[in-house]
PDB file of N, CA and C in Angstrom:
ATOM      1  N   TRP A   1      80.742 117.980 114.916  1.00  0.00           N
ATOM      2  CA  TRP A   1      79.720 119.108 115.500  1.00  0.00           C
ATOM      3  C   TRP A   1      79.144 120.123 115.567  1.00  0.00           C
ATOM      4  N   LEU A   2      80.748 120.875 116.456  1.00  0.00           N
ATOM      5  CA  LEU A   2      79.983 122.189 117.336  1.00  0.00           C
ATOM      6  C   LEU A   2      79.954 123.006 114.992  1.00  0.00           C
ATOM      7  N   ALA A   3      80.535 122.648 114.719  1.00  0.00           N
ATOM      8  CA  ALA A   3      80.481 123.408 113.305  1.00  0.00           C
ATOM      9  C   ALA A   3      79.573 123.113 112.480  1.00  0.00           C
ATOM     10  N   SER A   4      78.742 123.168 112.363  1.00  0.00           N
ATOM     11  CA  SER A   4      77.188 122.853 112.260  1.00  0.00           C
ATOM     12  C   SER A   4      76.148 122.657 113.038  1.00  0.00           C
ATOM     13  N   VAL A   5      75.917 122.777 114.460  1.00  0.00           N
ATOM     14  CA  VAL A   5      75.141 124.052 115.096  1.00  0.00           C
ATOM     15  C   VAL A   5      75.614 124.904 115.788  1.00  0.00           C
ATOM     16  N   ASP A   6      76.603 124.805 116.167  1.00  0.00           N
ATOM     17  CA  ASP A   6      76.970 126.337 117.100  1.00  0.00           C
ATOM     18  C   ASP A   6      76.997 127.746 116.529  1.00  0.00           C
ATOM     19  N   PRO A   7      76.585 129.059 116.323  1.00  0.00           N
ATOM     20  CA  PRO A   7      77.008 129.871 115.898  1.00  0.00           C
ATOM     21  C   PRO A   7      77.944 130.397 115.837  1.00  0.00           C
ATOM     22  N   ALA A   8      78.536 130.271 116.976  1.00  0.00           N
ATOM     23  CA  ALA A   8      79.697 130.403 117.528  1.00  0.00           C
ATOM     24  C   ALA A   8      80.914 130.181 116.389  1.00  0.00           C
ATOM     25  N   ALA A   9      80.483 129.400 115.895  1.00  0.00           N
ATOM     26  CA  ALA A   9      81.001 128.589 114.932  1.00  0.00           C
ATOM     27  C   ALA A   9      81.744 129.001 113.616  1.00  0.00           C
ATOM     28  N   SER A  10      81.101 130.003 113.192  1.00  0.00           N
ATOM     29  CA  SER A  10      80.677 131.274 112.828  1.00  0.00           C
ATOM     30  C   SER A  10      82.107 131.661 112.917  1.00  0.00           C
ATOM     31  N   SER A  11      83.292 131.818 113.517  1.00  0.00           N
ATOM     32  CA  SER A  11      84.188 133.189 113.397  1.00  0.00           C
ATOM     33  C   SER A  11      85.273 131.711 113.757  1.00  0.00           C
ATOM     34  N   LEU A  12      85.057 130.620 113.643  1.00  0.00           N
ATOM     35  CA  LEU A  12      86.072 129.783 113.504  1.00  0.00           C
ATOM     36  C   LEU A  12      87.168 129.758 112.179  1.00  0.00           C
ATOM     37  N   ARG A  13      87.762 129.851 112.209  1.00  0.00           N
ATOM     38  CA  ARG A  13      88.878 129.685 110.068  1.00  0.00           C
ATOM     39  C   ARG A  13      88.060 128.194 109.783  1.00  0.00           C
ATOM     40  N   GLY A  14      88.001 127.008 110.813  1.00  0.00           N
ATOM     41  CA  GLY A  14      87.932 126.092 110.040  1.00  0.00           C
ATOM     42  C   GLY A  14      87.908 124.835 111.012  1.00  0.00           C
ATOM     43  N   VAL A  15      88.008 123.375 110.627  1.00  0.00           N
ATOM     44  CA  VAL A  15      88.295 122.662 111.021  1.00  0.00           C
ATOM     45  C   VAL A  15      88.733 120.832 110.656  1.00  0.00           C
ATOM     46  N   LEU A  16      90.104 120.949 111.136  1.00  0.00           N
ATOM     47  CA  LEU A  16      90.250 119.816 110.785  1.00  0.00           C
ATOM     48  C   LEU A  16      90.905 118.898 111.289  1.00  0.00           C
ATOM     49  N   ALA A  17      89.730 117.906 110.739  1.00  0.00           N
ATOM     50  CA  ALA A  17      89.417 116.344 111.424  1.00  0.00           C
ATOM     51  C   ALA A  17      90.312 115.313 110.730  1.00  0.00           C
ATOM     52  N   LEU A  18      90.620 114.477 112.068  1.00  0.00           N
ATOM     53  CA  LEU A  18      91.830 113.344 111.824  1.00  0.00           C
ATOM     54  C   LEU A  18      90.745 112.196 111.882  1.00  0.00           C
ATOM     55  N   ALA A  19      90.757 111.547 111.016  1.00  0.00           N
ATOM     56  CA  ALA A  19      89.951 109.907 111.140  1.00  0.00           C
ATOM     57  C   ALA A  19      88.776 110.042 112.297  1.00  0.00           C
ATOM     58  N   PRO A  20      87.968 111.159 111.281  1.00  0.00           N
ATOM     59  CA  PRO A  20      86.891 111.277 111.961  1.00  0.00           C
ATOM     60  C   PRO A  20      85.295 109.960 111.862  1.00  0.00           C
ATOM     61  N   LEU A  21      85.248 110.246 113.677  1.00  0.00           N
ATOM     62  CA  LEU A  21      83.809 109.405 113.717  1.00  0.00           C
ATOM     63  C   LEU A  21      82.847 109.758 113.306  1.00  0.00           C
ATOM     64  N   THR A  22      82.211 109.793 111.857  1.00  0.00           N
ATOM     65  CA  THR A  22      81.360 111.273 112.279  1.00  0.00           C
ATOM     66  C   THR A  22      79.980 110.174 111.803  1.00  0.00           C
ATOM     67  N   ASP A  23      80.207 108.832 111.931  1.00  0.00           N
ATOM     68  CA  ASP A  23      78.573 108.770 112.210  1.00  0.00           C
ATOM     69  C   ASP A  23      77.998 107.865 112.698  1.00  0.00           C
ATOM     70  N   LEU A  24      77.958 107.328 114.034  1.00  0.00           N
ATOM     71  CA  LEU A  24      77.340 106.886 114.923  1.00  0.00           C
ATOM     72  C   LEU A  24      76.185 105.994 115.278  1.00  0.00           C
ATOM     73  N   THR A  25      75.704 105.811 113.923  1.00  0.00           N
ATOM     74  CA  THR A  25      75.037 104.503 113.751  1.00  0.00           C
ATOM     75  C   THR A  25      74.610 103.341 113.677  1.00  0.00           C
ATOM     76  N   ARG A  26      74.213 103.182 114.510  1.00  0.00           N
ATOM     77  CA  ARG A  26      74.537 100.983 114.493  1.00  0.00           C
ATOM     78  C   ARG A  26      75.068 100.942 113.324  1.00  0.00           C
ATOM     79  N   ASP A  27      75.125 100.515 112.289  1.00  0.00           N
ATOM     80  CA  ASP A  27      74.951  99.895 111.517  1.00  0.00           C
ATOM     81  C   ASP A  27      75.999 100.373 111.204  1.00  0.00           C
ATOM     82  N   HIS A  28      76.481 101.490 111.460  1.00  0.00           N
ATOM     83  CA  HIS A  28      78.126 101.838 111.136  1.00  0.00           C
ATOM     84  C   HIS A  28      79.572 101.983 112.074  1.00  0.00           C
ATOM     85  N   LEU A  29      78.941 101.883 112.728  1.00  0.00           N
ATOM     86  CA  LEU A  29      80.127 101.014 113.605  1.00  0.00           C
ATOM     87  C   LEU A  29      80.586 100.043 114.035  1.00  0.00           C
ATOM     88  N   ARG A  30      79.221  99.464 113.230  1.00  0.00           N
ATOM     89  CA  ARG A  30      80.367  97.604 113.349  1.00  0.00           C
ATOM     90  C   ARG A  30      81.391  98.023 113.019  1.00  0.00           C
ATOM     91  N   GLY A  31      82.236  96.898 113.368  1.00  0.00           N
ATOM     92  CA  GLY A  31      83.542  96.237 112.757  1.00  0.00           C
ATOM     93  C   GLY A  31      84.413  97.843 113.359  1.00  0.00           C
ATOM     94  N   PHE A  32      84.725  98.656 113.098  1.00  0.00           N
ATOM     95  CA  PHE A  32      85.436  99.596 113.571  1.00  0.00           C
ATOM     96  C   PHE A  32      85.416 100.815 114.581  1.00  0.00           C
ATOM     97  N   CYS A  33      86.040 101.074 115.771  1.00  0.00           N
ATOM     98  CA  CYS A  33      86.105 102.090 116.639  1.00  0.00           C
ATOM     99  C   CYS A  33      84.691 101.036 117.494  1.00  0.00           C
ATOM    100  N   ARG A  34      84.164 100.290 117.599  1.00  0.00           N
ATOM    101  CA  ARG A  34      82.903  99.922 118.070  1.00  0.00           C
ATOM    102  C   ARG A  34      83.338 100.839 119.683  1.00  0.00           C
ATOM    103  N   ARG A  35      84.184 100.387 120.372  1.00  0.00           N
ATOM    104  CA  ARG A  35      84.047 100.282 121.668  1.00  0.00           C
ATOM    105  C   ARG A  35      84.160 102.195 121.663  1.00  0.00           C
ATOM    106  N   ALA A  36      84.882 102.724 121.060  1.00  0.00           N
ATOM    107  CA  ALA A  36      84.894 103.961 120.941  1.00  0.00           C
ATOM    108  C   ALA A  36      83.188 104.493 121.220  1.00  0.00           C
ATOM    109  N   GLY A  37      83.059 103.899 119.231  1.00  0.00           N
ATOM    110  CA  GLY A  37      82.174 104.967 119.619  1.00  0.00           C
ATOM    111  C   GLY A  37      80.756 104.773 120.481  1.00  0.00           C
ATOM    112  N   GLY A  38      81.252 103.175 120.947  1.00  0.00           N
ATOM    113  CA  GLY A  38      79.431 102.905 122.214  1.00  0.00           C
ATOM    114  C   GLY A  38      79.769 104.023 123.070  1.00  0.00           C
ATOM    115  N   ALA A  39      81.221 104.005 123.755  1.00  0.00           N
ATOM    116  CA  ALA A  39      81.524 104.868 124.887  1.00  0.00           C
ATOM    117  C   ALA A  39      80.660 107.157 123.768  1.00  0.00           C
ATOM    118  N   LEU A  40      80.760 106.853 123.238  1.00  0.00           N
ATOM    119  CA  LEU A  40      80.404 108.519 122.103  1.00  0.00           C
ATOM    120  C   LEU A  40      78.128 108.009 122.509  1.00  0.00           C
ATOM    121  N   VAL A  41      78.354 106.689 122.661  1.00  0.00           N
ATOM    122  CA  VAL A  41      76.770 107.083 122.383  1.00  0.00           C
ATOM    123  C   VAL A  41      75.963 106.158 124.019  1.00  0.00           C
ATOM    124  N   GLU A  42      77.067 106.621 124.558  1.00  0.00           N
ATOM    125  CA  GLU A  42      77.045 105.785 125.809  1.00  0.00           C
ATOM    126  C   GLU A  42      75.436 106.079 126.079  1.00  0.00           C
ATOM    127  N   GLY A  43      74.719 105.067 126.984  1.00  0.00           N
ATOM    128  CA  GLY A  43      73.269 106.080 127.327  1.00  0.00           C
ATOM    129  C   GLY A  43      71.748 106.358 126.474  1.00  0.00           C
ATOM    130  N   ILE A  44      72.915 105.611 125.108  1.00  0.00           N
ATOM    131  CA  ILE A  44      71.643 106.169 123.997  1.00  0.00           C
ATOM    132  C   ILE A  44      70.770 105.210 123.691  1.00  0.00           C
ATOM    133  N   ASP A  45      69.672 104.551 123.923  1.00  0.00           N
ATOM    134  CA  ASP A  45      69.202 103.120 123.457  1.00  0.00           C
ATOM    135  C   ASP A  45      69.723 102.501 121.764  1.00  0.00           C
ATOM    136  N   PRO A  46      70.128 101.297 121.732  1.00  0.00           N
ATOM    137  CA  PRO A  46      71.009 101.370 121.204  1.00  0.00           C
ATOM    138  C   PRO A  46      70.316 100.695 120.424  1.00  0.00           C
ATOM    139  N   ASP A  47      68.714 100.458 120.027  1.00  0.00           N
ATOM    140  CA  ASP A  47      67.971 100.006 118.835  1.00  0.00           C
ATOM    141  C   ASP A  47      67.658 101.955 118.426  1.00  0.00           C
ATOM    142  N   ALA A  48      67.785 102.808 119.431  1.00  0.00           N
ATOM    143  CA  ALA A  48      67.724 104.714 119.202  1.00  0.00           C
ATOM    144  C   ALA A  48      68.341 105.131 117.951  1.00  0.00           C
ATOM    145  N   ASP A  49      68.387 104.115 116.475  1.00  0.00           N
ATOM    146  CA  ASP A  49      69.061 105.123 115.965  1.00  0.00           C
ATOM    147  C   ASP A  49      68.989 106.927 115.784  1.00  0.00           C
ATOM    148  N   VAL A  50      67.512 106.888 116.006  1.00  0.00           N
ATOM    149  CA  VAL A  50      66.824 108.610 116.032  1.00  0.00           C
ATOM    150  C   VAL A  50      68.061 109.125 116.261  1.00  0.00           C
ATOM    151  N   SER A  51      67.913 109.156 118.072  1.00  0.00           N
ATOM    152  CA  SER A  51      68.808 109.342 119.135  1.00  0.00           C
ATOM    153  C   SER A  51      71.289 109.454 117.965  1.00  0.00           C
ATOM    154  N   ARG A  52      71.219 108.878 117.476  1.00  0.00           N
ATOM    155  CA  ARG A  52      72.214 108.616 117.109  1.00  0.00           C
ATOM    156  C   ARG A  52      72.975 109.449 115.836  1.00  0.00           C
ATOM    157  N   VAL A  53      71.700 109.307 115.155  1.00  0.00           N
ATOM    158  CA  VAL A  53      71.648 109.972 113.728  1.00  0.00           C
ATOM    159  C   VAL A  53      71.666 111.536 114.262  1.00  0.00           C
ATOM    160  N   ARG A  54      70.878 112.262 115.099  1.00  0.00           N
ATOM    161  CA  ARG A  54      71.041 113.765 115.755  1.00  0.00           C
ATOM    162  C   ARG A  54      73.065 114.112 116.081  1.00  0.00           C
ATOM    163  N   ALA A  55      73.324 113.276 117.082  1.00  0.00           N
ATOM    164  CA  ALA A  55      74.726 112.819 117.935  1.00  0.00           C
ATOM    165  C   ALA A  55      75.893 113.275 116.188  1.00  0.00           C
ATOM    166  N   SER A  56      75.107 112.873 114.831  1.00  0.00           N
ATOM    167  CA  SER A  56      76.155 111.887 114.034  1.00  0.00           C
ATOM    168  C   SER A  56      76.579 113.848 112.894  1.00  0.00           C
ATOM    169  N   PRO A  57      77.839 113.965 112.720  1.00  0.00           N
ATOM    170  CA  PRO A  57      78.023 115.507 112.118  1.00  0.00           C
ATOM    171  C   PRO A  57      77.582 114.604 110.324  1.00  0.00           C
ATOM    172  N   ALA A  58      77.487 113.759 110.268  1.00  0.00           N
ATOM    173  CA  ALA A  58      77.057 112.837 108.969  1.00  0.00           C
ATOM    174  C   ALA A  58      75.918 113.377 108.596  1.00  0.00           C
ATOM    175  N   TRP A  59      75.579 113.669 109.412  1.00  0.00           N
ATOM    176  CA  TRP A  59      73.452 113.609 109.517  1.00  0.00           C
ATOM    177  C   TRP A  59      73.218 115.076 109.562  1.00  0.00           C
ATOM    178  N   MET A  60      73.767 115.857 110.423  1.00  0.00           N
ATOM    179  CA  MET A  60      73.621 117.691 110.736  1.00  0.00           C
ATOM    180  C   MET A  60      74.109 117.778 109.618  1.00  0.00           C
ATOM    181  N   PRO A  61      72.997 119.461 109.807  1.00  0.00           N
ATOM    182  CA  PRO A  61      73.159 120.314 109.181  1.00  0.00           C
ATOM    183  C   PRO A  61      74.574 120.255 108.429  1.00  0.00           C
ATOM    184  N   PRO A  62      74.417 121.424 107.507  1.00  0.00           N
ATOM    185  CA  PRO A  62      75.862 121.795 106.764  1.00  0.00           C
ATOM    186  C   PRO A  62      77.270 122.345 108.516  1.00  0.00           C
ATOM    187  N   PRO A  63      78.483 122.624 107.815  1.00  0.00           N
ATOM    188  CA  PRO A  63      78.966 123.145 108.913  1.00  0.00           C
ATOM    189  C   PRO A  63      79.065 124.919 108.406  1.00  0.00           C
ATOM    190  N   ARG A  64      79.729 125.758 109.140  1.00  0.00           N
ATOM    191  CA  ARG A  64      79.163 126.381 108.904  1.00  0.00           C
ATOM    192  C   ARG A  64      80.970 126.496 107.824  1.00  0.00           C
ATOM    193  N   VAL A  65      81.509 126.708 108.214  1.00  0.00           N
ATOM    194  CA  VAL A  65      82.568 126.967 107.895  1.00  0.00           C
ATOM    195  C   VAL A  65      83.852 125.565 106.983  1.00  0.00           C
ATOM    196  N   PRO A  66      84.553 125.709 106.423  1.00  0.00           N
ATOM    197  CA  PRO A  66      85.221 124.735 106.230  1.00  0.00           C
ATOM    198  C   PRO A  66      85.668 123.371 106.644  1.00  0.00           C
ATOM    199  N   VAL A  67      85.636 122.462 106.543  1.00  0.00           N
ATOM    200  CA  VAL A  67      85.932 121.556 106.786  1.00  0.00           C
ATOM    201  C   VAL A  67      87.823 120.002 106.559  1.00  0.00           C
ATOM    202  N   ARG A  68      88.558 119.835 107.177  1.00  0.00           N
ATOM    203  CA  ARG A  68      88.762 119.623 106.137  1.00  0.00           C
ATOM    204  C   ARG A  68      89.583 117.871 106.980  1.00  0.00           C
ATOM    205  N   VAL A  69      89.187 116.941 106.015  1.00  0.00           N
ATOM    206  CA  VAL A  69      88.932 115.661 106.594  1.00  0.00           C
ATOM    207  C   VAL A  69      90.693 114.772 106.295  1.00  0.00           C
ATOM    208  N   LEU A  70      91.589 114.495 107.100  1.00  0.00           N
ATOM    209  CA  LEU A  70      92.373 113.780 107.206  1.00  0.00           C
ATOM    210  C   LEU A  70      92.275 112.075 107.248  1.00  0.00           C
ATOM    211  N   ASP A  71      91.847 111.355 106.342  1.00  0.00           N
ATOM    212  CA  ASP A  71      91.694 109.967 107.061  1.00  0.00           C
ATOM    213  C   ASP A  71      93.416 109.492 106.601  1.00  0.00           C
ATOM    214  N   ALA A  72      93.308 108.136 107.225  1.00  0.00           N
ATOM    215  CA  ALA A  72      94.933 107.152 107.256  1.00  0.00           C
ATOM    216  C   ALA A  72      94.500 106.201 106.371  1.00  0.00           C
ATOM    217  N   ALA A  73      95.465 105.404 105.245  1.00  0.00           N
ATOM    218  CA  ALA A  73      94.985 104.347 104.003  1.00  0.00           C
ATOM    219  C   ALA A  73      94.593 103.194 105.031  1.00  0.00           C
ATOM    220  N   HIS A  74      95.690 103.870 106.202  1.00  0.00           N
ATOM    221  CA  HIS A  74      95.405 101.736 106.893  1.00  0.00           C
ATOM    222  C   HIS A  74      95.422 101.885 107.892  1.00  0.00           C
ATOM    223  N   ASP A  75      94.559 102.983 108.362  1.00  0.00           N
ATOM    224  CA  ASP A  75      93.327 103.082 109.280  1.00  0.00           C
ATOM    225  C   ASP A  75      92.610 101.955 109.810  1.00  0.00           C
ATOM    226  N   ALA A  76      93.032 101.289 111.331  1.00  0.00           N
ATOM    227  CA  ALA A  76      92.461  99.936 111.722  1.00  0.00           C
ATOM    228  C   ALA A  76      91.454 100.207 113.017  1.00  0.00           C
ATOM    229  N   VAL A  77      91.009 101.473 113.395  1.00  0.00           N
ATOM    230  CA  VAL A  77      90.210 101.926 113.656  1.00  0.00           C
ATOM    231  C   VAL A  77      89.407 102.483 113.760  1.00  0.00           C
ATOM    232  N   VAL A  78      89.390 103.237 112.467  1.00  0.00           N
ATOM    233  CA  VAL A  78      88.252 103.742 112.050  1.00  0.00           C
ATOM    234  C   VAL A  78      88.366 103.892 110.496  1.00  0.00           C
ATOM    235  N   ALA A  79      87.022 104.316 110.396  1.00  0.00           N
ATOM    236  CA  ALA A  79      87.256 103.311 108.719  1.00  0.00           C
ATOM    237  C   ALA A  79      86.884 104.659 108.153  1.00  0.00           C
ATOM    238  N   GLY A  80      87.881 104.536 106.988  1.00  0.00           N
ATOM    239  CA  GLY A  80      87.783 105.679 105.731  1.00  0.00           C
ATOM    240  C   GLY A  80      86.761 106.417 106.008  1.00  0.00           C
ATOM    241  N   SER A  81      85.226 105.263 105.467  1.00  0.00           N
ATOM    242  CA  SER A  81      83.624 105.222 105.178  1.00  0.00           C
ATOM    243  C   SER A  81      83.639 106.084 105.515  1.00  0.00           C
ATOM    244  N   HIS A  82      83.983 106.777 107.314  1.00  0.00           N
ATOM    245  CA  HIS A  82      83.366 107.528 108.131  1.00  0.00           C
ATOM    246  C   HIS A  82      83.929 109.584 107.032  1.00  0.00           C
ATOM    247  N   GLY A  83      84.649 109.586 106.596  1.00  0.00           N
ATOM    248  CA  GLY A  83      85.691 110.237 106.543  1.00  0.00           C
ATOM    249  C   GLY A  83      84.489 109.897 104.306  1.00  0.00           C
ATOM    250  N   GLU A  84      84.455 109.885 104.370  1.00  0.00           N
ATOM    251  CA  GLU A  84      84.388 109.225 102.312  1.00  0.00           C
ATOM    252  C   GLU A  84      82.632 109.938 102.370  1.00  0.00           C
ATOM    253  N   ARG A  85      81.424 109.544 103.444  1.00  0.00           N
ATOM    254  CA  ARG A  85      80.062 110.082 104.471  1.00  0.00           C
ATOM    255  C   ARG A  85      80.344 111.590 104.467  1.00  0.00           C
ATOM    256  N   TYR A  86      80.995 111.226 105.302  1.00  0.00           N
ATOM    257  CA  TYR A  86      80.375 112.716 105.507  1.00  0.00           C
ATOM    258  C   TYR A  86      80.795 114.017 104.641  1.00  0.00           C
ATOM    259  N   LEU A  87      81.790 113.399 103.291  1.00  0.00           N
ATOM    260  CA  LEU A  87      82.201 114.669 103.010  1.00  0.00           C
ATOM    261  C   LEU A  87      81.369 114.562 101.696  1.00  0.00           C
ATOM    262  N   ALA A  88      79.928 113.220 100.900  1.00  0.00           N
ATOM    263  CA  ALA A  88      79.263 113.908 100.402  1.00  0.00           C
ATOM    264  C   ALA A  88      78.336 113.785 101.331  1.00  0.00           C
ATOM    265  N   ALA A  89      78.008 114.245 102.060  1.00  0.00           N
ATOM    266  CA  ALA A  89      76.966 115.017 102.988  1.00  0.00           C
ATOM    267  C   ALA A  89      76.896 116.205 103.114  1.00  0.00           C
ATOM    268  N   HIS A  90      78.001 116.389 102.256  1.00  0.00           N
ATOM    269  CA  HIS A  90      78.992 118.406 102.603  1.00  0.00           C
ATOM    270  C   HIS A  90      79.550 118.337 101.926  1.00  0.00           C
ATOM    271  N   PRO A  91      79.762 118.035 100.337  1.00  0.00           N
ATOM    272  CA  PRO A  91      80.637 118.903  99.880  1.00  0.00           C
ATOM    273  C   PRO A  91      81.038 120.074  98.841  1.00  0.00           C
ATOM    274  N   GLN A  92      80.110 121.263  99.659  1.00  0.00           N
ATOM    275  CA  GLN A  92      79.882 122.231  99.787  1.00  0.00           C
ATOM    276  C   GLN A  92      81.141 123.171 100.947  1.00  0.00           C
ATOM    277  N   ARG A  93      81.632 122.090 101.868  1.00  0.00           N
ATOM    278  CA  ARG A  93      82.130 122.419 102.715  1.00  0.00           C
ATOM    279  C   ARG A  93      83.188 121.382 103.536  1.00  0.00           C
ATOM    280  N   VAL A  94      83.209 120.625 103.163  1.00  0.00           N
ATOM    281  CA  VAL A  94      84.323 119.641 103.678  1.00  0.00           C
ATOM    282  C   VAL A  94      85.200 119.225 102.024  1.00  0.00           C
ATOM    283  N   THR A  95      86.516 119.141 102.657  1.00  0.00           N
ATOM    284  CA  THR A  95      87.488 118.516 101.299  1.00  0.00           C
ATOM    285  C   THR A  95      88.499 117.313 101.908  1.00  0.00           C
ATOM    286  N   ARG A  96      88.262 116.457 101.916  1.00  0.00           N
ATOM    287  CA  ARG A  96      89.090 115.246 102.349  1.00  0.00           C
ATOM    288  C   ARG A  96      90.443 114.495 101.436  1.00  0.00           C
ATOM    289  N   ALA A  97      91.386 114.529 102.501  1.00  0.00           N
ATOM    290  CA  ALA A  97      92.615 113.759 101.926  1.00  0.00           C
ATOM    291  C   ALA A  97      92.507 112.008 102.842  1.00  0.00           C
ATOM    292  N   VAL A  98      93.431 111.406 102.028  1.00  0.00           N
ATOM    293  CA  VAL A  98      94.188 109.553 102.701  1.00  0.00           C
ATOM    294  C   VAL A  98      95.341 109.695 102.765  1.00  0.00           C
ATOM    295  N   ILE A  99      96.096 110.514 103.249  1.00  0.00           N
ATOM    296  CA  ILE A  99      97.398 109.968 104.121  1.00  0.00           C
ATOM    297  C   ILE A  99      97.881 108.604 103.626  1.00  0.00           C
ATOM    298  N   ASP A 100      98.391 108.093 102.636  1.00  0.00           N
ATOM    299  CA  ASP A 100      99.238 106.844 102.357  1.00  0.00           C
ATOM    300  C   ASP A 100     100.109 106.009 102.947  1.00  0.00           C
ATOM    301  N   GLY A 101     100.055 105.102 103.631  1.00  0.00           N
ATOM    302  CA  GLY A 101     101.217 104.138 104.291  1.00  0.00           C
ATOM    303  C   GLY A 101     101.451 104.571 105.474  1.00  0.00           C
ATOM    304  N   ALA A 102      99.946 105.426 106.267  1.00  0.00           N
ATOM    305  CA  ALA A 102      99.171 105.516 107.388  1.00  0.00           C
ATOM    306  C   ALA A 102      98.759 104.912 108.350  1.00  0.00           C
ATOM    307  N   GLY A 103      98.896 104.945 109.190  1.00  0.00           N
ATOM    308  CA  GLY A 103      97.784 103.935 110.306  1.00  0.00           C
ATOM    309  C   GLY A 103      97.010 105.156 111.146  1.00  0.00           C
ATOM    310  N   HIS A 104      95.712 104.961 111.672  1.00  0.00           N
ATOM    311  CA  HIS A 104      95.026 105.620 112.924  1.00  0.00           C
ATOM    312  C   HIS A 104      96.551 106.479 114.292  1.00  0.00           C
ATOM    313  N   PHE A 105      96.896 105.829 114.357  1.00  0.00           N
ATOM    314  CA  PHE A 105      98.047 106.353 115.306  1.00  0.00           C
ATOM    315  C   PHE A 105      99.090 108.065 114.917  1.00  0.00           C
ATOM    316  N   GLU A 106      98.987 106.986 113.132  1.00  0.00           N
ATOM    317  CA  GLU A 106     100.553 108.045 112.708  1.00  0.00           C
ATOM    318  C   GLU A 106      99.908 108.984 112.813  1.00  0.00           C
ATOM    319  N   LEU A 107      98.689 109.838 112.731  1.00  0.00           N
ATOM    320  CA  LEU A 107      98.395 110.947 111.989  1.00  0.00           C
ATOM    321  C   LEU A 107      98.928 112.264 113.552  1.00  0.00           C
ATOM    322  N   ILE A 108      99.879 111.535 114.498  1.00  0.00           N
ATOM    323  CA  ILE A 108      99.536 112.378 115.609  1.00  0.00           C
ATOM    324  C   ILE A 108     100.510 111.265 116.828  1.00  0.00           C
ATOM    325  N   ALA A 109     101.410 111.120 115.272  1.00  0.00           N
ATOM    326  CA  ALA A 109     103.078 110.161 116.444  1.00  0.00           C
ATOM    327  C   ALA A 109     103.832 111.428 116.000  1.00  0.00           C
ATOM    328  N   PRO A 110     104.346 112.023 116.583  1.00  0.00           N
ATOM    329  CA  PRO A 110     105.295 113.700 116.029  1.00  0.00           C
ATOM    330  C   PRO A 110     106.273 112.659 115.367  1.00  0.00           C
ATOM    331  N   GLY A 111     107.146 113.299 114.478  1.00  0.00           N
ATOM    332  CA  GLY A 111     108.302 111.960 113.503  1.00  0.00           C
ATOM    333  C   GLY A 111     107.703 111.431 111.826  1.00  0.00           C
ATOM    334  N   GLN A 112     106.551 110.983 112.273  1.00  0.00           N
ATOM    335  CA  GLN A 112     106.020 110.412 111.036  1.00  0.00           C
ATOM    336  C   GLN A 112     105.947 111.221 110.265  1.00  0.00           C
ATOM    337  N   ALA A 113     105.575 110.175 109.240  1.00  0.00           N
ATOM    338  CA  ALA A 113     105.032 111.450 108.029  1.00  0.00           C
ATOM    339  C   ALA A 113     104.025 111.867 108.031  1.00  0.00           C
ATOM    340  N   ALA A 114     103.634 111.040 108.789  1.00  0.00           N
ATOM    341  CA  ALA A 114     101.995 111.325 108.720  1.00  0.00           C
ATOM    342  C   ALA A 114     101.501 112.770 109.904  1.00  0.00           C
ATOM    343  N   CYS A 115     101.881 112.655 110.621  1.00  0.00           N
ATOM    344  CA  CYS A 115     102.124 113.652 111.626  1.00  0.00           C
ATOM    345  C   CYS A 115     102.646 115.014 110.724  1.00  0.00           C
ATOM    346  N   GLU A 116     103.443 114.920 109.907  1.00  0.00           N
ATOM    347  CA  GLU A 116     103.976 116.026 108.746  1.00  0.00           C
ATOM    348  C   GLU A 116     103.022 116.551 108.184  1.00  0.00           C
ATOM    349  N   VAL A 117     102.723 115.467 107.466  1.00  0.00           N
ATOM    350  CA  VAL A 117     100.970 115.620 106.817  1.00  0.00           C
ATOM    351  C   VAL A 117     100.055 116.760 107.504  1.00  0.00           C
ATOM    352  N   VAL A 118      99.944 117.010 108.638  1.00  0.00           N
ATOM    353  CA  VAL A 118      98.802 116.837 109.663  1.00  0.00           C
ATOM    354  C   VAL A 118      99.197 118.595 110.186  1.00  0.00           C
ATOM    355  N   ILE A 119     100.658 118.551 110.230  1.00  0.00           N
ATOM    356  CA  ILE A 119     101.279 119.637 110.805  1.00  0.00           C
ATOM    357  C   ILE A 119     101.488 120.239 109.565  1.00  0.00           C
ATOM    358  N   ARG A 120     101.352 120.876 108.724  1.00  0.00           N
ATOM    359  CA  ARG A 120     100.852 121.426 107.117  1.00  0.00           C
ATOM    360  C   ARG A 120      99.828 121.716 106.632  1.00  0.00           C
ATOM    361  N   GLU A 121      98.011 120.597 107.471  1.00  0.00           N
ATOM    362  CA  GLU A 121      97.415 121.126 106.547  1.00  0.00           C
ATOM    363  C   GLU A 121      96.677 122.047 108.245  1.00  0.00           C
ATOM    364  N   ALA A 122      97.239 121.990 108.605  1.00  0.00           N
ATOM    365  CA  ALA A 122      96.880 122.523 110.755  1.00  0.00           C
ATOM    366  C   ALA A 122      97.955 123.875 110.165  1.00  0.00           C
ATOM    367  N   ALA A 123      98.555 124.156 109.680  1.00  0.00           N
ATOM    368  CA  ALA A 123      99.756 125.384 109.354  1.00  0.00           C
ATOM    369  C   ALA A 123      98.738 125.765 108.072  1.00  0.00           C
ATOM    370  N   SER A 124      98.475 125.197 107.481  1.00  0.00           N
ATOM    371  CA  SER A 124      97.602 126.243 105.789  1.00  0.00           C
ATOM    372  C   SER A 124      95.913 126.467 106.498  1.00  0.00           C
ATOM    373  N   LEU A 125      95.078 125.606 107.247  1.00  0.00           N
ATOM    374  CA  LEU A 125      94.731 126.388 107.812  1.00  0.00           C
ATOM    375  C   LEU A 125      94.467 127.596 108.460  1.00  0.00           C
ATOM    376  N   LEU A 126      95.786 127.828 109.476  1.00  0.00           N
ATOM    377  CA  LEU A 126      95.586 129.366 110.136  1.00  0.00           C
ATOM    378  C   LEU A 126      96.476 130.234 109.168  1.00  0.00           C
ATOM    379  N   ASP A 127      96.208 129.561 108.182  1.00  0.00           N
ATOM    380  CA  ASP A 127      97.903 130.891 106.813  1.00  0.00           C
ATOM    381  C   ASP A 127      98.644 131.063 107.796  1.00  0.00           C
ATOM    382  N   VAL A 128      99.352 130.035 107.792  1.00  0.00           N
ATOM    383  CA  VAL A 128     101.175 130.580 108.946  1.00  0.00           C
ATOM    384  C   VAL A 128     101.821 130.079 107.940  1.00  0.00           C
ATOM    385  N   GLY A 129     101.798 129.223 106.906  1.00  0.00           N
ATOM    386  CA  GLY A 129     102.826 128.089 106.244  1.00  0.00           C
ATOM    387  C   GLY A 129     103.439 127.452 106.637  1.00  0.00           C
TER     388      GLY A 129
END
């Protein structure tokens, strides 16, 4: 969100998005991460998709900095379609990789192969190799 709407985002080198929930519209929340997605838009009229669109990165202006999306191939929490939709909406600024053999939490679990990929991606974003 910040990368799309805040002028200060231009000072960022980029964004590393791990299994991001990028589309908060009602139809896109069905099935995956419904409770977490619902909490993000708590207080918004469930039938007012226009409010959810305004809060959804996939529907915002293109990000001001490069965004790298990392999705887990076996993620049962956030559907990979969120990352796909964000890439499709902003192909000029977004790249996406799917980490084979990983579930949602392996992306942030030290010692897991998927977490090592995340560390490498973060280091490349910072140019620290």
